Amino acid sequence: MLHKALNTHKNGVLLAIKLTPKAAKDALVRLEADSTGKIRLKATVTAVPEKGKANSALIKLLSKKLKLPKTNIQLIAGDQSRLKTVLFAGDPKTLLGRLEKQMVMLGFTE
């Protein structure tokens, strides 16, 4: 599933996410298929979904867990939705390998 979750883009790598705000903890939970078959990373944050607080918490969480600068992570879709798309900016080929390696280290496997 991991190889279906990360998609190259001309400006980097895209990752689809399902975010649950107001959760008990900040965590990257698991990869799961939505009703259309699209693979999404399920994430939780303790922040409330007000004034972009949950989105900011998501970017901070991704930065910490995937070891990338926050400035290289951009929310490009789903600003006010639980279903989000994040762009990791950089060279797509180099970044894809790095993200896959880091996600495997976090326990997200094929």
PDB file of N, CA and C in Angstrom:
ATOM      1  N   MET A   1       0.811  -1.204   0.000  1.00  0.00           N
ATOM      2  CA  MET A   1       0.000   0.000   0.000  1.00  0.00           C
ATOM      3  C   MET A   1       0.851   1.264   0.000  1.00  0.00           C
ATOM      4  N   LEU A   2       2.031   1.190   0.589  1.00  0.00           N
ATOM      5  CA  LEU A   2       2.871   2.377   0.706  1.00  0.00           C
ATOM      6  C   LEU A   2       3.177   2.999  -0.645  1.00  0.00           C
ATOM      7  N   HIS A   3       3.496   2.164  -1.643  1.00  0.00           N
ATOM      8  CA  HIS A   3       3.838   2.708  -2.958  1.00  0.00           C
ATOM      9  C   HIS A   3       2.653   3.382  -3.638  1.00  0.00           C
ATOM     10  N   LYS A   4       1.413   3.066  -3.209  1.00  0.00           N
ATOM     11  CA  LYS A   4       0.227   3.716  -3.760  1.00  0.00           C
ATOM     12  C   LYS A   4      -0.130   4.994  -3.004  1.00  0.00           C
ATOM     13  N   ALA A   5       0.421   5.158  -1.813  1.00  0.00           N
ATOM     14  CA  ALA A   5       0.105   6.327  -0.988  1.00  0.00           C
ATOM     15  C   ALA A   5       0.901   7.557  -1.412  1.00  0.00           C
ATOM     16  N   LEU A   6       2.137   7.340  -1.839  1.00  0.00           N
ATOM     17  CA  LEU A   6       3.020   8.434  -2.238  1.00  0.00           C
ATOM     18  C   LEU A   6       3.037   8.539  -3.757  1.00  0.00           C
ATOM     19  N   ASN A   7       2.759   9.728  -4.278  1.00  0.00           N
ATOM     20  CA  ASN A   7       2.706   9.935  -5.723  1.00  0.00           C
ATOM     21  C   ASN A   7       3.607  11.090  -6.117  1.00  0.00           C
ATOM     22  N   THR A   8       4.405  10.877  -7.157  1.00  0.00           N
ATOM     23  CA  THR A   8       5.291  11.954  -7.598  1.00  0.00           C
ATOM     24  C   THR A   8       4.493  13.048  -8.295  1.00  0.00           C
ATOM     25  N   HIS A   9       5.015  14.243  -8.196  1.00  0.00           N
ATOM     26  CA  HIS A   9       4.432  15.449  -8.755  1.00  0.00           C
ATOM     27  C   HIS A   9       5.602  16.259  -9.294  1.00  0.00           C
ATOM     28  N   LYS A  10       5.372  17.134 -10.234  1.00  0.00           N
ATOM     29  CA  LYS A  10       6.494  17.893 -10.807  1.00  0.00           C
ATOM     30  C   LYS A  10       7.265  18.700  -9.762  1.00  0.00           C
ATOM     31  N   ASN A  11       6.606  19.057  -8.657  1.00  0.00           N
ATOM     32  CA  ASN A  11       7.258  19.862  -7.614  1.00  0.00           C
ATOM     33  C   ASN A  11       7.642  19.063  -6.372  1.00  0.00           C
ATOM     34  N   GLY A  12       7.437  17.745  -6.399  1.00  0.00           N
ATOM     35  CA  GLY A  12       7.766  16.941  -5.227  1.00  0.00           C
ATOM     36  C   GLY A  12       6.967  15.659  -5.172  1.00  0.00           C
ATOM     37  N   VAL A  13       6.452  15.352  -3.984  1.00  0.00           N
ATOM     38  CA  VAL A  13       5.697  14.119  -3.758  1.00  0.00           C
ATOM     39  C   VAL A  13       4.395  14.464  -3.045  1.00  0.00           C
ATOM     40  N   LEU A  14       3.298  13.846  -3.496  1.00  0.00           N
ATOM     41  CA  LEU A  14       1.984  14.056  -2.893  1.00  0.00           C
ATOM     42  C   LEU A  14       1.631  12.908  -1.963  1.00  0.00           C
ATOM     43  N   LEU A  15       0.928  13.238  -0.891  1.00  0.00           N
ATOM     44  CA  LEU A  15       0.430  12.243   0.047  1.00  0.00           C
ATOM     45  C   LEU A  15      -0.993  12.613   0.424  1.00  0.00           C
ATOM     46  N   ALA A  16      -1.919  11.670   0.258  1.00  0.00           N
ATOM     47  CA  ALA A  16      -3.311  11.874   0.657  1.00  0.00           C
ATOM     48  C   ALA A  16      -3.437  11.483   2.127  1.00  0.00           C
ATOM     49  N   ILE A  17      -4.171  12.286   2.873  1.00  0.00           N
ATOM     50  CA  ILE A  17      -4.286  12.091   4.319  1.00  0.00           C
ATOM     51  C   ILE A  17      -5.740  12.216   4.756  1.00  0.00           C
ATOM     52  N   LYS A  18      -6.123  11.390   5.733  1.00  0.00           N
ATOM     53  CA  LYS A  18      -7.406  11.549   6.418  1.00  0.00           C
ATOM     54  C   LYS A  18      -7.056  11.971   7.843  1.00  0.00           C
ATOM     55  N   LEU A  19      -7.436  13.190   8.199  1.00  0.00           N
ATOM     56  CA  LEU A  19      -7.062  13.767   9.492  1.00  0.00           C
ATOM     57  C   LEU A  19      -8.227  13.755  10.469  1.00  0.00           C
ATOM     58  N   THR A  20      -7.939  13.327  11.683  1.00  0.00           N
ATOM     59  CA  THR A  20      -8.919  13.393  12.768  1.00  0.00           C
ATOM     60  C   THR A  20      -8.405  14.400  13.791  1.00  0.00           C
ATOM     61  N   PRO A  21      -9.056  15.574  13.885  1.00  0.00           N
ATOM     62  CA  PRO A  21      -8.656  16.567  14.900  1.00  0.00           C
ATOM     63  C   PRO A  21      -9.269  16.222  16.259  1.00  0.00           C
ATOM     64  N   LYS A  22      -8.864  16.942  17.283  1.00  0.00           N
ATOM     65  CA  LYS A  22      -9.356  16.768  18.659  1.00  0.00           C
ATOM     66  C   LYS A  22      -9.198  15.328  19.141  1.00  0.00           C
ATOM     67  N   ALA A  23      -8.113  14.679  18.741  1.00  0.00           N
ATOM     68  CA  ALA A  23      -7.845  13.301  19.152  1.00  0.00           C
ATOM     69  C   ALA A  23      -7.071  13.282  20.467  1.00  0.00           C
ATOM     70  N   ALA A  24      -6.864  12.098  21.003  1.00  0.00           N
ATOM     71  CA  ALA A  24      -6.139  11.956  22.262  1.00  0.00           C
ATOM     72  C   ALA A  24      -4.656  12.256  22.118  1.00  0.00           C
ATOM     73  N   LYS A  25      -4.104  12.022  20.910  1.00  0.00           N
ATOM     74  CA  LYS A  25      -2.672  12.286  20.705  1.00  0.00           C
ATOM     75  C   LYS A  25      -2.391  12.589  19.242  1.00  0.00           C
ATOM     76  N   ASP A  26      -1.231  13.185  19.003  1.00  0.00           N
ATOM     77  CA  ASP A  26      -0.755  13.429  17.645  1.00  0.00           C
ATOM     78  C   ASP A  26      -0.077  12.150  17.172  1.00  0.00           C
ATOM     79  N   ALA A  27      -0.556  11.595  16.050  1.00  0.00           N
ATOM     80  CA  ALA A  27       0.013  10.328  15.581  1.00  0.00           C
ATOM     81  C   ALA A  27      -0.263  10.103  14.100  1.00  0.00           C
ATOM     82  N   LEU A  28       0.663   9.388  13.461  1.00  0.00           N
ATOM     83  CA  LEU A  28       0.430   8.844  12.133  1.00  0.00           C
ATOM     84  C   LEU A  28      -0.007   7.406  12.406  1.00  0.00           C
ATOM     85  N   VAL A  29      -1.255   7.081  12.083  1.00  0.00           N
ATOM     86  CA  VAL A  29      -1.869   5.847  12.557  1.00  0.00           C
ATOM     87  C   VAL A  29      -1.642   4.659  11.618  1.00  0.00           C
ATOM     88  N   ARG A  30      -2.125   4.752  10.385  1.00  0.00           N
ATOM     89  CA  ARG A  30      -2.014   3.633   9.448  1.00  0.00           C
ATOM     90  C   ARG A  30      -2.364   4.094   8.044  1.00  0.00           C
ATOM     91  N   LEU A  31      -2.059   3.255   7.083  1.00  0.00           N
ATOM     92  CA  LEU A  31      -2.489   3.470   5.706  1.00  0.00           C
ATOM     93  C   LEU A  31      -3.792   2.721   5.517  1.00  0.00           C
ATOM     94  N   GLU A  32      -4.762   3.358   4.858  1.00  0.00           N
ATOM     95  CA  GLU A  32      -6.038   2.691   4.621  1.00  0.00           C
ATOM     96  C   GLU A  32      -6.634   3.168   3.308  1.00  0.00           C
ATOM     97  N   ALA A  33      -7.447   2.302   2.713  1.00  0.00           N
ATOM     98  CA  ALA A  33      -8.125   2.646   1.470  1.00  0.00           C
ATOM     99  C   ALA A  33      -9.455   3.303   1.800  1.00  0.00           C
ATOM    100  N   ASP A  34      -9.779   4.391   1.073  1.00  0.00           N
ATOM    101  CA  ASP A  34     -11.085   5.019   1.279  1.00  0.00           C
ATOM    102  C   ASP A  34     -12.122   4.303   0.410  1.00  0.00           C
ATOM    103  N   SER A  35     -13.342   4.816   0.373  1.00  0.00           N
ATOM    104  CA  SER A  35     -14.435   4.157  -0.353  1.00  0.00           C
ATOM    105  C   SER A  35     -14.191   4.075  -1.860  1.00  0.00           C
ATOM    106  N   THR A  36     -13.309   4.929  -2.379  1.00  0.00           N
ATOM    107  CA  THR A  36     -13.009   4.907  -3.815  1.00  0.00           C
ATOM    108  C   THR A  36     -11.774   4.059  -4.119  1.00  0.00           C
ATOM    109  N   GLY A  37     -11.129   3.538  -3.085  1.00  0.00           N
ATOM    110  CA  GLY A  37      -9.930   2.739  -3.269  1.00  0.00           C
ATOM    111  C   GLY A  37      -8.636   3.532  -3.157  1.00  0.00           C
ATOM    112  N   LYS A  38      -8.745   4.843  -2.964  1.00  0.00           N
ATOM    113  CA  LYS A  38      -7.552   5.682  -2.819  1.00  0.00           C
ATOM    114  C   LYS A  38      -6.900   5.410  -1.465  1.00  0.00           C
ATOM    115  N   ILE A  39      -5.592   5.252  -1.467  1.00  0.00           N
ATOM    116  CA  ILE A  39      -4.855   4.985  -0.233  1.00  0.00           C
ATOM    117  C   ILE A  39      -4.545   6.312   0.456  1.00  0.00           C
ATOM    118  N   ARG A  40      -4.890   6.387   1.730  1.00  0.00           N
ATOM    119  CA  ARG A  40      -4.653   7.591   2.527  1.00  0.00           C
ATOM    120  C   ARG A  40      -3.924   7.218   3.813  1.00  0.00           C
ATOM    121  N   LEU A  41      -3.135   8.150   4.307  1.00  0.00           N
ATOM    122  CA  LEU A  41      -2.503   7.997   5.606  1.00  0.00           C
ATOM    123  C   LEU A  41      -3.463   8.569   6.641  1.00  0.00           C
ATOM    124  N   LYS A  42      -3.858   7.752   7.598  1.00  0.00           N
ATOM    125  CA  LYS A  42      -4.735   8.225   8.665  1.00  0.00           C
ATOM    126  C   LYS A  42      -3.853   8.854   9.732  1.00  0.00           C
ATOM    127  N   ALA A  43      -4.184  10.099  10.079  1.00  0.00           N
ATOM    128  CA  ALA A  43      -3.411  10.844  11.080  1.00  0.00           C
ATOM    129  C   ALA A  43      -4.369  11.451  12.092  1.00  0.00           C
ATOM    130  N   THR A  44      -3.877  11.634  13.316  1.00  0.00           N
ATOM    131  CA  THR A  44      -4.665  12.284  14.365  1.00  0.00           C
ATOM    132  C   THR A  44      -3.841  13.402  14.982  1.00  0.00           C
ATOM    133  N   VAL A  45      -4.528  14.466  15.367  1.00  0.00           N
ATOM    134  CA  VAL A  45      -3.884  15.575  16.079  1.00  0.00           C
ATOM    135  C   VAL A  45      -4.784  16.013  17.227  1.00  0.00           C
ATOM    136  N   THR A  46      -4.179  16.557  18.257  1.00  0.00           N
ATOM    137  CA  THR A  46      -4.955  17.016  19.411  1.00  0.00           C
ATOM    138  C   THR A  46      -5.563  18.394  19.173  1.00  0.00           C
ATOM    139  N   ALA A  47      -5.057  19.108  18.196  1.00  0.00           N
ATOM    140  CA  ALA A  47      -5.523  20.472  17.908  1.00  0.00           C
ATOM    141  C   ALA A  47      -6.971  20.469  17.412  1.00  0.00           C
ATOM    142  N   VAL A  48      -7.642  21.581  17.660  1.00  0.00           N
ATOM    143  CA  VAL A  48      -9.019  21.747  17.206  1.00  0.00           C
ATOM    144  C   VAL A  48      -9.030  22.250  15.756  1.00  0.00           C
ATOM    145  N   PRO A  49     -10.089  21.942  15.019  1.00  0.00           N
ATOM    146  CA  PRO A  49     -10.159  22.382  13.622  1.00  0.00           C
ATOM    147  C   PRO A  49     -10.664  23.820  13.488  1.00  0.00           C
ATOM    148  N   GLU A  50      -9.982  24.740  14.121  1.00  0.00           N
ATOM    149  CA  GLU A  50     -10.359  26.152  14.074  1.00  0.00           C
ATOM    150  C   GLU A  50      -9.167  26.990  13.632  1.00  0.00           C
ATOM    151  N   LYS A  51      -9.405  27.898  12.711  1.00  0.00           N
ATOM    152  CA  LYS A  51      -8.391  28.853  12.265  1.00  0.00           C
ATOM    153  C   LYS A  51      -7.097  28.177  11.836  1.00  0.00           C
ATOM    154  N   GLY A  52      -7.198  27.000  11.221  1.00  0.00           N
ATOM    155  CA  GLY A  52      -6.027  26.308  10.703  1.00  0.00           C
ATOM    156  C   GLY A  52      -5.152  25.617  11.736  1.00  0.00           C
ATOM    157  N   LYS A  53      -5.621  25.535  12.984  1.00  0.00           N
ATOM    158  CA  LYS A  53      -4.804  24.935  14.038  1.00  0.00           C
ATOM    159  C   LYS A  53      -4.528  23.454  13.775  1.00  0.00           C
ATOM    160  N   ALA A  54      -5.542  22.713  13.341  1.00  0.00           N
ATOM    161  CA  ALA A  54      -5.350  21.277  13.063  1.00  0.00           C
ATOM    162  C   ALA A  54      -4.423  21.085  11.861  1.00  0.00           C
ATOM    163  N   ASN A  55      -4.555  21.925  10.845  1.00  0.00           N
ATOM    164  CA  ASN A  55      -3.675  21.837   9.675  1.00  0.00           C
ATOM    165  C   ASN A  55      -2.228  22.112  10.058  1.00  0.00           C
ATOM    166  N   SER A  56      -2.013  23.110  10.881  1.00  0.00           N
ATOM    167  CA  SER A  56      -0.656  23.432  11.347  1.00  0.00           C
ATOM    168  C   SER A  56      -0.079  22.283  12.165  1.00  0.00           C
ATOM    169  N   ALA A  57      -0.916  21.693  13.002  1.00  0.00           N
ATOM    170  CA  ALA A  57      -0.465  20.560  13.818  1.00  0.00           C
ATOM    171  C   ALA A  57      -0.110  19.366  12.931  1.00  0.00           C
ATOM    172  N   LEU A  58      -0.864  19.166  11.863  1.00  0.00           N
ATOM    173  CA  LEU A  58      -0.574  18.073  10.927  1.00  0.00           C
ATOM    174  C   LEU A  58       0.787  18.292  10.266  1.00  0.00           C
ATOM    175  N   ILE A  59       1.045  19.495   9.798  1.00  0.00           N
ATOM    176  CA  ILE A  59       2.326  19.787   9.141  1.00  0.00           C
ATOM    177  C   ILE A  59       3.480  19.607  10.128  1.00  0.00           C
ATOM    178  N   LYS A  60       3.289  20.045  11.355  1.00  0.00           N
ATOM    179  CA  LYS A  60       4.319  19.873  12.384  1.00  0.00           C
ATOM    180  C   LYS A  60       4.570  18.387  12.649  1.00  0.00           C
ATOM    181  N   LEU A  61       3.504  17.598  12.727  1.00  0.00           N
ATOM    182  CA  LEU A  61       3.617  16.161  12.958  1.00  0.00           C
ATOM    183  C   LEU A  61       4.348  15.470  11.801  1.00  0.00           C
ATOM    184  N   LEU A  62       3.965  15.800  10.571  1.00  0.00           N
ATOM    185  CA  LEU A  62       4.626  15.211   9.402  1.00  0.00           C
ATOM    186  C   LEU A  62       6.106  15.581   9.374  1.00  0.00           C
ATOM    187  N   SER A  63       6.409  16.813   9.689  1.00  0.00           N
ATOM    188  CA  SER A  63       7.801  17.281   9.711  1.00  0.00           C
ATOM    189  C   SER A  63       8.624  16.480  10.717  1.00  0.00           C
ATOM    190  N   LYS A  64       8.075  16.304  11.891  1.00  0.00           N
ATOM    191  CA  LYS A  64       8.786  15.588  12.954  1.00  0.00           C
ATOM    192  C   LYS A  64       8.971  14.116  12.602  1.00  0.00           C
ATOM    193  N   LYS A  65       7.902  13.453  12.198  1.00  0.00           N
ATOM    194  CA  LYS A  65       7.952  12.008  11.946  1.00  0.00           C
ATOM    195  C   LYS A  65       8.712  11.649  10.681  1.00  0.00           C
ATOM    196  N   LEU A  66       8.591  12.470   9.640  1.00  0.00           N
ATOM    197  CA  LEU A  66       9.230  12.159   8.362  1.00  0.00           C
ATOM    198  C   LEU A  66      10.569  12.864   8.183  1.00  0.00           C
ATOM    199  N   LYS A  67      10.965  13.622   9.203  1.00  0.00           N
ATOM    200  CA  LYS A  67      12.265  14.297   9.238  1.00  0.00           C
ATOM    201  C   LYS A  67      12.497  15.198   8.026  1.00  0.00           C
ATOM    202  N   LEU A  68      11.518  16.074   7.785  1.00  0.00           N
ATOM    203  CA  LEU A  68      11.599  17.072   6.722  1.00  0.00           C
ATOM    204  C   LEU A  68      11.295  18.440   7.315  1.00  0.00           C
ATOM    205  N   PRO A  69      11.880  19.501   6.770  1.00  0.00           N
ATOM    206  CA  PRO A  69      11.572  20.841   7.270  1.00  0.00           C
ATOM    207  C   PRO A  69      10.102  21.196   7.009  1.00  0.00           C
ATOM    208  N   LYS A  70       9.498  21.883   7.964  1.00  0.00           N
ATOM    209  CA  LYS A  70       8.097  22.312   7.794  1.00  0.00           C
ATOM    210  C   LYS A  70       7.930  23.164   6.546  1.00  0.00           C
ATOM    211  N   THR A  71       8.955  23.903   6.177  1.00  0.00           N
ATOM    212  CA  THR A  71       8.870  24.775   5.002  1.00  0.00           C
ATOM    213  C   THR A  71       8.756  23.984   3.700  1.00  0.00           C
ATOM    214  N   ASN A  72       9.080  22.689   3.731  1.00  0.00           N
ATOM    215  CA  ASN A  72       8.979  21.839   2.538  1.00  0.00           C
ATOM    216  C   ASN A  72       7.658  21.081   2.479  1.00  0.00           C
ATOM    217  N   ILE A  73       6.770  21.331   3.435  1.00  0.00           N
ATOM    218  CA  ILE A  73       5.492  20.616   3.491  1.00  0.00           C
ATOM    219  C   ILE A  73       4.370  21.637   3.321  1.00  0.00           C
ATOM    220  N   GLN A  74       3.517  21.389   2.341  1.00  0.00           N
ATOM    221  CA  GLN A  74       2.454  22.340   2.027  1.00  0.00           C
ATOM    222  C   GLN A  74       1.127  21.600   1.846  1.00  0.00           C
ATOM    223  N   LEU A  75       0.093  22.111   2.490  1.00  0.00           N
ATOM    224  CA  LEU A  75      -1.254  21.591   2.310  1.00  0.00           C
ATOM    225  C   LEU A  75      -1.798  22.176   1.010  1.00  0.00           C
ATOM    226  N   ILE A  76      -2.082  21.327   0.018  1.00  0.00           N
ATOM    227  CA  ILE A  76      -2.533  21.851  -1.270  1.00  0.00           C
ATOM    228  C   ILE A  76      -4.006  21.566  -1.553  1.00  0.00           C
ATOM    229  N   ALA A  77      -4.644  20.732  -0.741  1.00  0.00           N
ATOM    230  CA  ALA A  77      -6.082  20.471  -0.902  1.00  0.00           C
ATOM    231  C   ALA A  77      -6.653  20.021   0.435  1.00  0.00           C
ATOM    232  N   GLY A  78      -7.918  20.387   0.671  1.00  0.00           N
ATOM    233  CA  GLY A  78      -8.611  19.942   1.867  1.00  0.00           C
ATOM    234  C   GLY A  78      -8.422  20.831   3.079  1.00  0.00           C
ATOM    235  N   ASP A  79      -8.205  22.103   2.859  1.00  0.00           N
ATOM    236  CA  ASP A  79      -7.976  23.042   3.954  1.00  0.00           C
ATOM    237  C   ASP A  79      -9.044  22.939   5.046  1.00  0.00           C
ATOM    238  N   GLN A  80     -10.302  22.793   4.646  1.00  0.00           N
ATOM    239  CA  GLN A  80     -11.400  22.729   5.623  1.00  0.00           C
ATOM    240  C   GLN A  80     -12.107  21.382   5.593  1.00  0.00           C
ATOM    241  N   SER A  81     -11.379  20.342   5.226  1.00  0.00           N
ATOM    242  CA  SER A  81     -11.931  18.996   5.132  1.00  0.00           C
ATOM    243  C   SER A  81     -11.033  18.036   5.904  1.00  0.00           C
ATOM    244  N   ARG A  82     -11.560  16.879   6.260  1.00  0.00           N
ATOM    245  CA  ARG A  82     -10.722  15.855   6.890  1.00  0.00           C
ATOM    246  C   ARG A  82      -9.825  15.172   5.865  1.00  0.00           C
ATOM    247  N   LEU A  83     -10.261  15.187   4.603  1.00  0.00           N
ATOM    248  CA  LEU A  83      -9.486  14.577   3.529  1.00  0.00           C
ATOM    249  C   LEU A  83      -8.570  15.639   2.933  1.00  0.00           C
ATOM    250  N   LYS A  84      -7.277  15.424   3.063  1.00  0.00           N
ATOM    251  CA  LYS A  84      -6.295  16.442   2.686  1.00  0.00           C
ATOM    252  C   LYS A  84      -5.265  15.857   1.732  1.00  0.00           C
ATOM    253  N   THR A  85      -4.630  16.739   0.979  1.00  0.00           N
ATOM    254  CA  THR A  85      -3.491  16.355   0.154  1.00  0.00           C
ATOM    255  C   THR A  85      -2.335  17.269   0.518  1.00  0.00           C
ATOM    256  N   VAL A  86      -1.205  16.650   0.802  1.00  0.00           N
ATOM    257  CA  VAL A  86      -0.005  17.378   1.199  1.00  0.00           C
ATOM    258  C   VAL A  86       1.049  17.213   0.115  1.00  0.00           C
ATOM    259  N   LEU A  87       1.764  18.298  -0.171  1.00  0.00           N
ATOM    260  CA  LEU A  87       2.886  18.262  -1.098  1.00  0.00           C
ATOM    261  C   LEU A  87       4.172  18.399  -0.300  1.00  0.00           C
ATOM    262  N   PHE A  88       5.072  17.434  -0.490  1.00  0.00           N
ATOM    263  CA  PHE A  88       6.417  17.524   0.051  1.00  0.00           C
ATOM    264  C   PHE A  88       7.267  18.077  -1.087  1.00  0.00           C
ATOM    265  N   ALA A  89       7.743  19.298  -0.957  1.00  0.00           N
ATOM    266  CA  ALA A  89       8.466  19.969  -2.042  1.00  0.00           C
ATOM    267  C   ALA A  89       9.906  19.492  -2.127  1.00  0.00           C
ATOM    268  N   GLY A  90      10.363  19.295  -3.364  1.00  0.00           N
ATOM    269  CA  GLY A  90      11.733  18.887  -3.604  1.00  0.00           C
ATOM    270  C   GLY A  90      11.826  18.048  -4.858  1.00  0.00           C
ATOM    271  N   ASP A  91      13.005  17.502  -5.110  1.00  0.00           N
ATOM    272  CA  ASP A  91      13.203  16.630  -6.261  1.00  0.00           C
ATOM    273  C   ASP A  91      12.367  15.359  -6.065  1.00  0.00           C
ATOM    274  N   PRO A  92      11.414  15.089  -6.967  1.00  0.00           N
ATOM    275  CA  PRO A  92      10.496  13.962  -6.774  1.00  0.00           C
ATOM    276  C   PRO A  92      11.178  12.607  -6.574  1.00  0.00           C
ATOM    277  N   LYS A  93      12.176  12.299  -7.374  1.00  0.00           N
ATOM    278  CA  LYS A  93      12.824  10.981  -7.275  1.00  0.00           C
ATOM    279  C   LYS A  93      13.563  10.808  -5.959  1.00  0.00           C
ATOM    280  N   THR A  94      14.338  11.800  -5.585  1.00  0.00           N
ATOM    281  CA  THR A  94      15.097  11.736  -4.337  1.00  0.00           C
ATOM    282  C   THR A  94      14.155  11.706  -3.139  1.00  0.00           C
ATOM    283  N   LEU A  95      13.159  12.561  -3.172  1.00  0.00           N
ATOM    284  CA  LEU A  95      12.213  12.690  -2.067  1.00  0.00           C
ATOM    285  C   LEU A  95      11.363  11.438  -1.895  1.00  0.00           C
ATOM    286  N   LEU A  96      10.947  10.823  -3.002  1.00  0.00           N
ATOM    287  CA  LEU A  96      10.119   9.620  -2.932  1.00  0.00           C
ATOM    288  C   LEU A  96      10.854   8.509  -2.191  1.00  0.00           C
ATOM    289  N   GLY A  97      12.103   8.288  -2.534  1.00  0.00           N
ATOM    290  CA  GLY A  97      12.888   7.256  -1.856  1.00  0.00           C
ATOM    291  C   GLY A  97      13.073   7.555  -0.382  1.00  0.00           C
ATOM    292  N   ARG A  98      13.329   8.803  -0.078  1.00  0.00           N
ATOM    293  CA  ARG A  98      13.533   9.212   1.314  1.00  0.00           C
ATOM    294  C   ARG A  98      12.256   9.039   2.137  1.00  0.00           C
ATOM    295  N   LEU A  99      11.119   9.452   1.572  1.00  0.00           N
ATOM    296  CA  LEU A  99       9.843   9.318   2.285  1.00  0.00           C
ATOM    297  C   LEU A  99       9.466   7.855   2.480  1.00  0.00           C
ATOM    298  N   GLU A 100       9.650   7.044   1.442  1.00  0.00           N
ATOM    299  CA  GLU A 100       9.340   5.616   1.572  1.00  0.00           C
ATOM    300  C   GLU A 100      10.182   4.979   2.665  1.00  0.00           C
ATOM    301  N   LYS A 101      11.473   5.287   2.687  1.00  0.00           N
ATOM    302  CA  LYS A 101      12.368   4.734   3.703  1.00  0.00           C
ATOM    303  C   LYS A 101      11.922   5.147   5.107  1.00  0.00           C
ATOM    304  N   GLN A 102      11.590   6.425   5.283  1.00  0.00           N
ATOM    305  CA  GLN A 102      11.184   6.919   6.596  1.00  0.00           C
ATOM    306  C   GLN A 102       9.858   6.292   7.035  1.00  0.00           C
ATOM    307  N   MET A 103       8.925   6.134   6.100  1.00  0.00           N
ATOM    308  CA  MET A 103       7.632   5.538   6.459  1.00  0.00           C
ATOM    309  C   MET A 103       7.781   4.063   6.819  1.00  0.00           C
ATOM    310  N   VAL A 104       8.681   3.354   6.146  1.00  0.00           N
ATOM    311  CA  VAL A 104       8.949   1.955   6.508  1.00  0.00           C
ATOM    312  C   VAL A 104       9.536   1.900   7.908  1.00  0.00           C
ATOM    313  N   MET A 105      10.434   2.832   8.234  1.00  0.00           N
ATOM    314  CA  MET A 105      11.017   2.867   9.582  1.00  0.00           C
ATOM    315  C   MET A 105       9.949   3.128  10.650  1.00  0.00           C
ATOM    316  N   LEU A 106       8.874   3.834  10.249  1.00  0.00           N
ATOM    317  CA  LEU A 106       7.778   4.119  11.181  1.00  0.00           C
ATOM    318  C   LEU A 106       6.783   2.958  11.270  1.00  0.00           C
ATOM    319  N   GLY A 107       6.995   1.928  10.452  1.00  0.00           N
ATOM    320  CA  GLY A 107       6.120   0.758  10.516  1.00  0.00           C
ATOM    321  C   GLY A 107       5.090   0.669   9.412  1.00  0.00           C
ATOM    322  N   PHE A 108       5.132   1.590   8.458  1.00  0.00           N
ATOM    323  CA  PHE A 108       4.208   1.554   7.330  1.00  0.00           C
ATOM    324  C   PHE A 108       4.857   0.735   6.217  1.00  0.00           C
ATOM    325  N   THR A 109       4.400  -0.480   6.033  1.00  0.00           N
ATOM    326  CA  THR A 109       5.010  -1.373   5.057  1.00  0.00           C
ATOM    327  C   THR A 109       4.029  -1.704   3.952  1.00  0.00           C
ATOM    328  N   GLU A 110       4.563  -2.402   2.957  1.00  0.00           N
ATOM    329  CA  GLU A 110       3.719  -2.839   1.843  1.00  0.00           C
ATOM    330  C   GLU A 110       2.704  -3.759   2.408  1.00  0.00           C
TER     331      GLU A 110
END
